[in-house]
Amino acid sequence: MSQIDPIPVTLISDPGSLVPLDGDTALIRLSANSGHGHADGDTCVACAAQTDVRALLYNLLEEHRRDMRPAFSRVVVDASALADPSQVVEALTGKLPAQALRDHTVARMFYLAG
């Protein structure tokens, strides 16, 4: 059984500093909130689902596995809309506890490159 190389994830937190994308790059954009009537930063289950980077990365893997998206060799996460992207960094560096099996899969398959 061959070992799969982990996929680098580049985090963009400054507006306007998106790196050039190519055909081998998957892009995830995290929104500040869903626009359904609360201030940015308020706790909201719907917004948390849209910014759970581990769930979104797992979904990329599943979409590829199901032939719903082409293969990718790197991921860019645009977190420039978030007031505080530290939760994204903590999720990608293993500082947040794993909540589901998908979190362990993401920890094995992705790493924070920049």
Protein backbone atom coordinates (compact mmCIF):
# COMPACT_ATOMS: atom_id res chain seq x y z
CA MET A 1 0.00 0.00 0.00
CA SER A 2 1.51 3.34 -1.03
CA GLN A 3 1.52 6.35 1.24
CA ILE A 4 -0.16 9.49 -0.06
CA ASP A 5 1.75 12.75 0.32
CA PRO A 6 -0.11 15.31 2.42
CA ILE A 7 -1.65 18.23 0.53
CA PRO A 8 -0.41 21.74 1.37
CA VAL A 9 -2.97 24.32 2.47
CA THR A 10 -2.20 28.01 2.06
CA LEU A 11 -4.21 30.34 4.29
CA ILE A 12 -4.94 33.84 3.01
CA SER A 13 -6.05 36.22 5.75
CA ASP A 14 -5.38 39.62 4.18
CA PRO A 15 -8.04 40.97 1.79
CA GLY A 16 -6.71 41.41 -1.72
CA SER A 17 -3.75 39.07 -1.31
CA LEU A 18 -5.14 35.97 -3.02
CA VAL A 19 -2.39 33.93 -4.63
CA PRO A 20 -2.58 32.88 -8.30
CA LEU A 21 -4.60 29.71 -8.78
CA ASP A 22 -4.02 26.96 -11.31
CA GLY A 23 -5.86 23.82 -12.37
CA ASP A 24 -4.30 21.78 -9.54
CA THR A 25 -5.52 24.15 -6.82
CA ALA A 26 -8.80 23.91 -4.94
CA LEU A 27 -10.16 27.13 -3.42
CA ILE A 28 -12.22 27.40 -0.24
CA ARG A 29 -13.68 30.81 0.65
CA LEU A 30 -14.76 31.32 4.25
CA SER A 31 -17.44 33.95 4.75
CA ALA A 32 -17.73 36.23 7.79
CA ASN A 33 -21.32 35.14 8.34
CA SER A 34 -24.22 33.93 6.30
CA GLY A 35 -25.99 37.28 6.32
CA HIS A 36 -28.98 36.05 8.22
CA GLY A 37 -29.22 38.78 10.79
CA HIS A 38 -26.48 38.68 13.39
CA ALA A 39 -23.23 40.52 13.94
CA ASP A 40 -19.93 39.04 12.77
CA GLY A 41 -18.36 36.97 15.53
CA ASP A 42 -21.66 35.93 17.15
CA THR A 43 -21.99 32.20 17.80
CA CYS A 44 -24.20 30.62 15.17
CA VAL A 45 -24.47 26.96 14.18
CA ALA A 46 -25.18 27.78 10.52
CA CYS A 47 -22.16 30.07 10.25
CA ALA A 48 -19.92 27.61 12.08
CA ALA A 49 -20.74 24.98 9.47
CA GLN A 50 -19.70 27.37 6.69
CA THR A 51 -16.34 28.12 8.33
CA ASP A 52 -15.43 24.65 9.63
CA VAL A 53 -12.28 24.29 7.54
CA ARG A 54 -11.78 20.65 8.49
CA ALA A 55 -15.27 19.73 7.28
CA LEU A 56 -14.75 21.72 4.07
CA LEU A 57 -11.40 20.03 3.38
CA TYR A 58 -12.95 16.63 4.01
CA ASN A 59 -15.73 17.52 1.57
CA LEU A 60 -13.09 18.29 -1.08
CA LEU A 61 -11.64 14.80 -0.62
CA GLU A 62 -15.07 13.19 -0.82
CA GLU A 63 -16.05 15.16 -3.91
CA HIS A 64 -12.88 14.00 -5.64
CA ARG A 65 -13.39 10.41 -4.51
CA ARG A 66 -16.91 10.49 -5.99
CA ASP A 67 -15.65 12.02 -9.27
CA MET A 68 -17.52 15.26 -8.55
CA ARG A 69 -14.37 17.40 -8.80
CA PRO A 70 -11.00 17.04 -10.49
CA ALA A 71 -7.88 16.04 -8.60
CA PHE A 72 -6.02 18.79 -6.76
CA SER A 73 -2.52 18.97 -5.33
CA ARG A 74 -2.92 22.03 -3.11
CA VAL A 75 -5.65 24.08 -1.44
CA VAL A 76 -5.97 27.80 -0.88
CA VAL A 77 -8.26 28.85 1.98
CA ASP A 78 -9.41 32.45 1.66
CA ALA A 79 -10.18 33.54 5.23
CA SER A 80 -9.85 37.26 4.49
CA ALA A 81 -13.52 37.89 5.37
CA LEU A 82 -13.06 36.55 8.90
CA ALA A 83 -12.28 39.02 11.67
CA ASP A 84 -10.07 36.43 13.41
CA PRO A 85 -8.69 33.53 11.35
CA SER A 86 -6.92 32.01 14.37
CA GLN A 87 -9.57 29.26 14.65
CA VAL A 88 -8.71 28.20 11.10
CA VAL A 89 -5.01 28.04 11.98
CA GLU A 90 -5.77 26.07 15.14
CA ALA A 91 -7.93 23.61 13.20
CA LEU A 92 -5.20 23.07 10.59
CA THR A 93 -2.38 22.69 13.11
CA GLY A 94 -4.17 20.22 15.39
CA LYS A 95 -4.75 22.63 18.27
CA LEU A 96 -8.53 22.09 18.22
CA PRO A 97 -9.80 18.72 19.45
CA ALA A 98 -11.01 16.34 16.78
CA GLN A 99 -14.81 16.26 16.69
CA ALA A 100 -15.32 13.51 14.12
CA LEU A 101 -13.51 10.88 12.09
CA ARG A 102 -13.24 13.41 9.26
CA ASP A 103 -10.98 15.57 11.45
CA HIS A 104 -8.46 12.73 11.73
CA THR A 105 -8.62 12.19 7.96
CA VAL A 106 -7.96 15.87 7.35
CA ALA A 107 -5.05 15.84 9.82
CA ARG A 108 -3.43 13.00 7.83
CA MET A 109 -4.19 14.39 4.37
CA PHE A 110 -3.52 18.15 4.72
CA TYR A 111 -0.96 20.44 6.35
CA LEU A 112 -0.76 24.21 6.79
CA ALA A 113 1.91 25.41 4.35
CA GLY A 114 1.49 29.15 4.67
